[in-house]
C-alpha cells in the first residue's frame, strides 16, 4: 500500500489552477523554492489542496485547488510567489502553460485496504 493519494477536496464548486511545465537541466534552487512555495500556498486563505507529478522527460503538471478567484489572485500577487515565477522564467523552465478552470463536478475512488 502507498501513502500517495489525490488531494482531498470539498464538494464543488471550486477552482483548479493547472500549471504544466518542461524543466531545464539542473536544480538551480528549484527544489528548495518549490518546497517553500508549497508551504506558503498551503497557508493562503482559500487554498484547498494540490496534486503534482513529473515525468522522467522533465514534463510536470501541478494542479492547485482554490475556493474562489479572489484566492487565486491573492496568491498570484504574493511577493515571494512573484519572485519564484521570475526565477522560473529565467532558470527553471523551457516552457510552461497555465490554465484556470472552475470545477463544477468531481468524483473519485479509493480501493479499500486489504486485510
N, C-alpha and C. Protein backbone atom coordinates (compact mmCIF):
# COMPACT_ATOMS: atom_id res chain seq x y z
N UNK A 1 0.85 -1.18 0.00
CA UNK A 1 0.00 0.00 0.00
C UNK A 1 0.89 1.23 0.00
N UNK A 2 0.42 2.30 -0.58
CA UNK A 2 1.19 3.53 -0.70
C UNK A 2 0.50 4.68 0.03
N UNK A 3 1.27 5.67 0.42
CA UNK A 3 0.72 6.85 1.08
C UNK A 3 0.30 7.92 0.08
N UNK A 4 0.53 7.70 -1.19
CA UNK A 4 0.22 8.68 -2.22
C UNK A 4 -1.27 8.60 -2.56
N UNK A 5 -1.91 9.77 -2.60
CA UNK A 5 -3.34 9.83 -2.94
C UNK A 5 -3.65 11.21 -3.51
N UNK A 6 -4.71 11.31 -4.30
CA UNK A 6 -5.12 12.63 -4.78
C UNK A 6 -5.51 13.53 -3.61
N UNK A 7 -5.45 14.83 -3.84
CA UNK A 7 -5.83 15.79 -2.81
C UNK A 7 -7.26 15.55 -2.36
N UNK A 8 -7.49 15.65 -1.07
CA UNK A 8 -8.82 15.54 -0.51
C UNK A 8 -9.46 16.92 -0.55
N UNK A 9 -10.56 17.05 -1.27
CA UNK A 9 -11.15 18.36 -1.53
C UNK A 9 -12.61 18.41 -1.11
N UNK A 10 -13.13 19.62 -0.87
CA UNK A 10 -14.55 19.75 -0.55
C UNK A 10 -15.40 19.55 -1.81
N UNK A 11 -16.70 19.53 -1.61
CA UNK A 11 -17.61 19.45 -2.75
C UNK A 11 -17.48 20.71 -3.60
N UNK A 12 -17.59 20.57 -4.92
CA UNK A 12 -17.54 21.74 -5.80
C UNK A 12 -18.72 22.67 -5.50
N UNK A 13 -18.64 23.90 -5.96
CA UNK A 13 -17.64 24.43 -6.90
C UNK A 13 -16.38 24.94 -6.19
N UNK A 14 -15.28 24.86 -6.91
CA UNK A 14 -14.01 25.46 -6.53
C UNK A 14 -13.21 25.62 -7.81
N UNK A 15 -12.00 26.13 -7.71
CA UNK A 15 -11.20 26.40 -8.91
C UNK A 15 -9.94 25.54 -8.92
N UNK A 16 -9.53 25.16 -10.11
CA UNK A 16 -8.28 24.43 -10.31
C UNK A 16 -7.35 25.28 -11.17
N UNK A 17 -6.12 25.44 -10.70
CA UNK A 17 -5.08 26.13 -11.47
C UNK A 17 -4.13 25.04 -11.94
N UNK A 18 -4.09 24.81 -13.25
CA UNK A 18 -3.30 23.74 -13.84
C UNK A 18 -2.04 24.35 -14.44
N UNK A 19 -0.90 24.00 -13.85
CA UNK A 19 0.40 24.51 -14.30
C UNK A 19 1.17 23.35 -14.91
N UNK A 20 1.42 23.41 -16.21
CA UNK A 20 2.16 22.37 -16.93
C UNK A 20 3.46 23.00 -17.42
N UNK A 21 4.59 22.33 -17.13
CA UNK A 21 5.88 22.93 -17.46
C UNK A 21 6.90 21.88 -17.85
N UNK A 22 7.86 22.32 -18.66
CA UNK A 22 9.02 21.50 -19.02
C UNK A 22 10.23 22.14 -18.35
N UNK A 23 10.94 21.34 -17.55
CA UNK A 23 12.09 21.82 -16.79
C UNK A 23 13.34 21.91 -17.65
N UNK A 24 14.23 22.81 -17.22
CA UNK A 24 15.58 22.86 -17.76
C UNK A 24 16.42 21.83 -17.01
N UNK A 25 17.65 21.61 -17.46
CA UNK A 25 18.55 20.68 -16.77
C UNK A 25 19.06 21.35 -15.49
N UNK A 26 19.33 20.56 -14.48
CA UNK A 26 19.89 21.07 -13.24
C UNK A 26 18.84 21.60 -12.30
N UNK A 27 19.18 21.66 -11.02
CA UNK A 27 18.23 22.09 -10.00
C UNK A 27 18.20 23.61 -9.85
N UNK A 28 19.37 24.23 -9.70
CA UNK A 28 19.48 25.70 -9.59
C UNK A 28 18.54 26.30 -8.55
N UNK A 29 18.34 25.60 -7.43
CA UNK A 29 17.47 26.10 -6.37
C UNK A 29 16.00 25.77 -6.55
N UNK A 30 15.67 24.99 -7.56
CA UNK A 30 14.27 24.68 -7.87
C UNK A 30 13.59 23.92 -6.73
N UNK A 31 14.22 22.85 -6.25
CA UNK A 31 13.59 22.01 -5.22
C UNK A 31 13.30 22.80 -3.96
N UNK A 32 14.26 23.57 -3.50
CA UNK A 32 14.08 24.37 -2.29
C UNK A 32 12.95 25.39 -2.47
N UNK A 33 12.94 26.07 -3.60
CA UNK A 33 11.90 27.06 -3.85
C UNK A 33 10.54 26.39 -3.99
N UNK A 34 10.50 25.24 -4.65
CA UNK A 34 9.24 24.52 -4.79
C UNK A 34 8.64 24.13 -3.45
N UNK A 35 9.48 23.64 -2.54
CA UNK A 35 9.01 23.29 -1.20
C UNK A 35 8.49 24.53 -0.48
N UNK A 36 9.20 25.63 -0.60
CA UNK A 36 8.79 26.88 0.03
C UNK A 36 7.45 27.35 -0.52
N UNK A 37 7.27 27.28 -1.84
CA UNK A 37 6.01 27.71 -2.46
C UNK A 37 4.85 26.84 -2.00
N UNK A 38 5.08 25.53 -1.88
CA UNK A 38 4.01 24.62 -1.42
C UNK A 38 3.58 25.00 -0.01
N UNK A 39 4.55 25.27 0.86
CA UNK A 39 4.21 25.64 2.25
C UNK A 39 3.49 26.98 2.29
N UNK A 40 3.98 27.94 1.53
CA UNK A 40 3.33 29.26 1.50
C UNK A 40 1.91 29.17 0.95
N UNK A 41 1.74 28.45 -0.15
CA UNK A 41 0.41 28.32 -0.76
C UNK A 41 -0.56 27.70 0.23
N UNK A 42 -0.11 26.66 0.93
CA UNK A 42 -0.98 25.96 1.88
C UNK A 42 -1.46 26.88 3.00
N UNK A 43 -0.71 27.93 3.29
CA UNK A 43 -1.08 28.88 4.34
C UNK A 43 -1.98 30.01 3.84
N UNK A 44 -2.24 30.07 2.55
CA UNK A 44 -3.03 31.17 1.98
C UNK A 44 -4.52 30.92 2.18
N UNK A 45 -5.27 31.96 2.53
CA UNK A 45 -6.73 31.81 2.60
C UNK A 45 -7.27 31.33 1.25
N UNK A 46 -8.16 30.35 1.31
CA UNK A 46 -8.78 29.84 0.09
C UNK A 46 -8.06 28.68 -0.55
N UNK A 47 -6.85 28.33 -0.09
CA UNK A 47 -6.13 27.18 -0.64
C UNK A 47 -6.81 25.91 -0.17
N UNK A 48 -7.06 24.97 -1.10
CA UNK A 48 -7.76 23.73 -0.76
C UNK A 48 -6.88 22.49 -0.86
N UNK A 49 -5.87 22.50 -1.72
CA UNK A 49 -5.02 21.33 -1.88
C UNK A 49 -4.23 21.40 -3.17
N UNK A 50 -3.43 20.36 -3.40
CA UNK A 50 -2.58 20.33 -4.59
C UNK A 50 -2.29 18.89 -4.98
N UNK A 51 -2.19 18.65 -6.27
CA UNK A 51 -1.72 17.39 -6.85
C UNK A 51 -0.58 17.75 -7.79
N UNK A 52 0.48 16.93 -7.81
CA UNK A 52 1.62 17.25 -8.66
C UNK A 52 2.32 15.98 -9.11
N UNK A 53 2.82 15.98 -10.34
CA UNK A 53 3.56 14.84 -10.88
C UNK A 53 4.56 15.34 -11.92
N UNK A 54 5.68 14.62 -12.04
CA UNK A 54 6.69 14.97 -13.04
C UNK A 54 7.21 13.68 -13.66
N UNK A 55 7.32 13.68 -14.98
CA UNK A 55 7.85 12.53 -15.70
C UNK A 55 9.36 12.62 -15.85
N UNK A 56 9.97 11.52 -16.20
CA UNK A 56 11.42 11.46 -16.39
C UNK A 56 11.87 12.38 -17.52
N UNK A 57 10.96 12.72 -18.43
CA UNK A 57 11.30 13.60 -19.56
C UNK A 57 11.29 15.08 -19.19
N UNK A 58 11.00 15.41 -17.91
CA UNK A 58 11.01 16.80 -17.47
C UNK A 58 9.66 17.48 -17.49
N UNK A 59 8.64 16.85 -18.09
CA UNK A 59 7.30 17.44 -18.12
C UNK A 59 6.63 17.24 -16.77
N UNK A 60 6.15 18.32 -16.19
CA UNK A 60 5.46 18.24 -14.90
C UNK A 60 4.13 18.94 -14.95
N UNK A 61 3.22 18.46 -14.12
CA UNK A 61 1.90 19.08 -14.00
C UNK A 61 1.60 19.24 -12.52
N UNK A 62 1.26 20.46 -12.14
CA UNK A 62 0.82 20.74 -10.78
C UNK A 62 -0.55 21.38 -10.87
N UNK A 63 -1.49 20.81 -10.13
CA UNK A 63 -2.84 21.35 -10.07
C UNK A 63 -3.09 21.81 -8.64
N UNK A 64 -3.27 23.11 -8.47
CA UNK A 64 -3.63 23.63 -7.14
C UNK A 64 -5.11 23.98 -7.16
N UNK A 65 -5.74 23.78 -6.02
CA UNK A 65 -7.19 23.97 -5.91
C UNK A 65 -7.47 25.11 -4.94
N UNK A 66 -8.42 25.97 -5.35
CA UNK A 66 -8.70 27.20 -4.61
C UNK A 66 -10.20 27.40 -4.47
N UNK A 67 -10.60 28.02 -3.38
CA UNK A 67 -12.02 28.27 -3.09
C UNK A 67 -12.66 29.19 -4.12
N UNK A 68 -11.92 30.25 -4.54
CA UNK A 68 -12.51 31.24 -5.44
C UNK A 68 -11.41 31.97 -6.21
N UNK A 69 -11.82 32.77 -7.17
CA UNK A 69 -10.86 33.50 -8.00
C UNK A 69 -10.09 34.55 -7.20
N UNK A 70 -10.71 35.10 -6.17
CA UNK A 70 -10.02 36.08 -5.34
C UNK A 70 -8.83 35.44 -4.63
N UNK A 71 -8.98 34.21 -4.18
CA UNK A 71 -7.88 33.49 -3.52
C UNK A 71 -6.73 33.26 -4.49
N UNK A 72 -7.07 32.92 -5.73
CA UNK A 72 -6.05 32.71 -6.77
C UNK A 72 -5.31 34.02 -7.03
N UNK A 73 -6.05 35.11 -7.14
CA UNK A 73 -5.44 36.42 -7.41
C UNK A 73 -4.52 36.84 -6.26
N UNK A 74 -4.93 36.57 -5.03
CA UNK A 74 -4.10 36.92 -3.88
C UNK A 74 -2.80 36.12 -3.90
N UNK A 75 -2.87 34.83 -4.23
CA UNK A 75 -1.66 34.01 -4.32
C UNK A 75 -0.76 34.51 -5.44
N UNK A 76 -1.36 34.84 -6.55
CA UNK A 76 -0.57 35.33 -7.69
C UNK A 76 0.19 36.61 -7.35
N UNK A 77 -0.37 37.42 -6.47
CA UNK A 77 0.27 38.69 -6.12
C UNK A 77 1.14 38.60 -4.86
N UNK A 78 1.28 37.41 -4.28
CA UNK A 78 2.15 37.23 -3.11
C UNK A 78 3.59 37.51 -3.52
N UNK A 79 4.30 38.32 -2.74
CA UNK A 79 5.64 38.79 -3.11
C UNK A 79 6.62 37.65 -3.40
N UNK A 80 6.65 36.63 -2.55
CA UNK A 80 7.59 35.51 -2.78
C UNK A 80 7.21 34.71 -4.02
N UNK A 81 5.92 34.59 -4.27
CA UNK A 81 5.46 33.85 -5.45
C UNK A 81 5.84 34.61 -6.73
N UNK A 82 5.77 35.92 -6.69
CA UNK A 82 6.18 36.74 -7.84
C UNK A 82 7.66 36.49 -8.14
N UNK A 83 8.50 36.48 -7.11
CA UNK A 83 9.94 36.22 -7.30
C UNK A 83 10.18 34.81 -7.83
N UNK A 84 9.46 33.83 -7.31
CA UNK A 84 9.63 32.45 -7.77
C UNK A 84 9.23 32.32 -9.24
N UNK A 85 8.16 32.99 -9.65
CA UNK A 85 7.75 32.93 -11.06
C UNK A 85 8.82 33.54 -11.96
N UNK A 86 9.43 34.62 -11.52
CA UNK A 86 10.50 35.25 -12.31
C UNK A 86 11.70 34.31 -12.43
N UNK A 87 12.05 33.64 -11.34
CA UNK A 87 13.16 32.67 -11.39
C UNK A 87 12.82 31.50 -12.31
N UNK A 88 11.56 31.12 -12.33
CA UNK A 88 11.13 30.04 -13.22
C UNK A 88 11.37 30.38 -14.67
N UNK A 89 10.99 31.58 -15.05
CA UNK A 89 11.20 32.02 -16.44
C UNK A 89 12.69 32.12 -16.76
N UNK A 90 13.47 32.58 -15.79
CA UNK A 90 14.89 32.81 -16.00
C UNK A 90 15.73 31.53 -15.96
N UNK A 91 15.39 30.59 -15.06
CA UNK A 91 16.27 29.45 -14.80
C UNK A 91 15.65 28.06 -14.99
N UNK A 92 14.40 27.86 -14.62
CA UNK A 92 13.89 26.51 -14.41
C UNK A 92 13.06 25.91 -15.54
N UNK A 93 12.44 26.72 -16.38
CA UNK A 93 11.51 26.19 -17.37
C UNK A 93 11.93 26.54 -18.79
N UNK A 94 11.78 25.55 -19.68
CA UNK A 94 11.95 25.85 -21.10
C UNK A 94 10.62 26.29 -21.70
N UNK A 95 9.52 25.83 -21.09
CA UNK A 95 8.19 26.29 -21.49
C UNK A 95 7.20 25.94 -20.39
N UNK A 96 6.10 26.67 -20.36
CA UNK A 96 5.02 26.33 -19.43
C UNK A 96 3.70 26.88 -19.94
N UNK A 97 2.62 26.33 -19.41
CA UNK A 97 1.27 26.81 -19.68
C UNK A 97 0.50 26.78 -18.37
N UNK A 98 -0.41 27.72 -18.21
CA UNK A 98 -1.22 27.78 -17.00
C UNK A 98 -2.68 27.93 -17.42
N UNK A 99 -3.53 27.15 -16.80
CA UNK A 99 -4.97 27.19 -17.09
C UNK A 99 -5.72 27.29 -15.77
N UNK A 100 -6.74 28.12 -15.74
CA UNK A 100 -7.60 28.25 -14.56
C UNK A 100 -8.98 27.77 -14.97
N UNK A 101 -9.54 26.84 -14.19
CA UNK A 101 -10.84 26.28 -14.53
C UNK A 101 -11.72 26.19 -13.29
N UNK A 102 -13.00 26.39 -13.48
CA UNK A 102 -13.96 26.21 -12.40
C UNK A 102 -14.39 24.74 -12.39
N UNK A 103 -14.24 24.10 -11.25
CA UNK A 103 -14.65 22.70 -11.09
C UNK A 103 -16.10 22.70 -10.63
N UNK A 104 -16.95 22.12 -11.44
CA UNK A 104 -18.37 22.07 -11.10
C UNK A 104 -18.82 20.68 -10.69
N UNK A 105 -17.99 19.68 -10.98
CA UNK A 105 -18.33 18.30 -10.66
C UNK A 105 -17.03 17.57 -10.36
N UNK A 106 -17.05 16.70 -9.35
CA UNK A 106 -15.85 15.93 -9.01
C UNK A 106 -16.27 14.61 -8.37
N UNK A 107 -15.52 13.58 -8.65
CA UNK A 107 -15.77 12.28 -8.02
C UNK A 107 -14.47 11.50 -8.01
N UNK A 108 -14.42 10.45 -7.23
CA UNK A 108 -13.19 9.67 -7.13
C UNK A 108 -13.45 8.27 -6.60
N UNK A 109 -12.38 7.55 -6.35
CA UNK A 109 -12.44 6.17 -5.89
C UNK A 109 -11.22 5.89 -5.04
N UNK A 110 -11.41 5.17 -3.96
CA UNK A 110 -10.30 4.68 -3.15
C UNK A 110 -10.54 3.20 -2.88
N UNK A 111 -9.58 2.38 -3.26
CA UNK A 111 -9.68 0.94 -3.02
C UNK A 111 -9.60 0.68 -1.52
N UNK A 112 -10.51 -0.13 -0.98
CA UNK A 112 -10.45 -0.45 0.45
C UNK A 112 -9.14 -1.18 0.78
N UNK A 113 -8.63 -0.95 1.97
CA UNK A 113 -7.41 -1.63 2.41
C UNK A 113 -7.66 -3.12 2.50
N UNK A 114 -6.69 -3.89 2.03
CA UNK A 114 -6.80 -5.36 2.09
C UNK A 114 -6.37 -5.83 3.47
N UNK A 115 -7.06 -6.80 3.99
CA UNK A 115 -6.71 -7.34 5.32
C UNK A 115 -5.69 -8.43 5.22
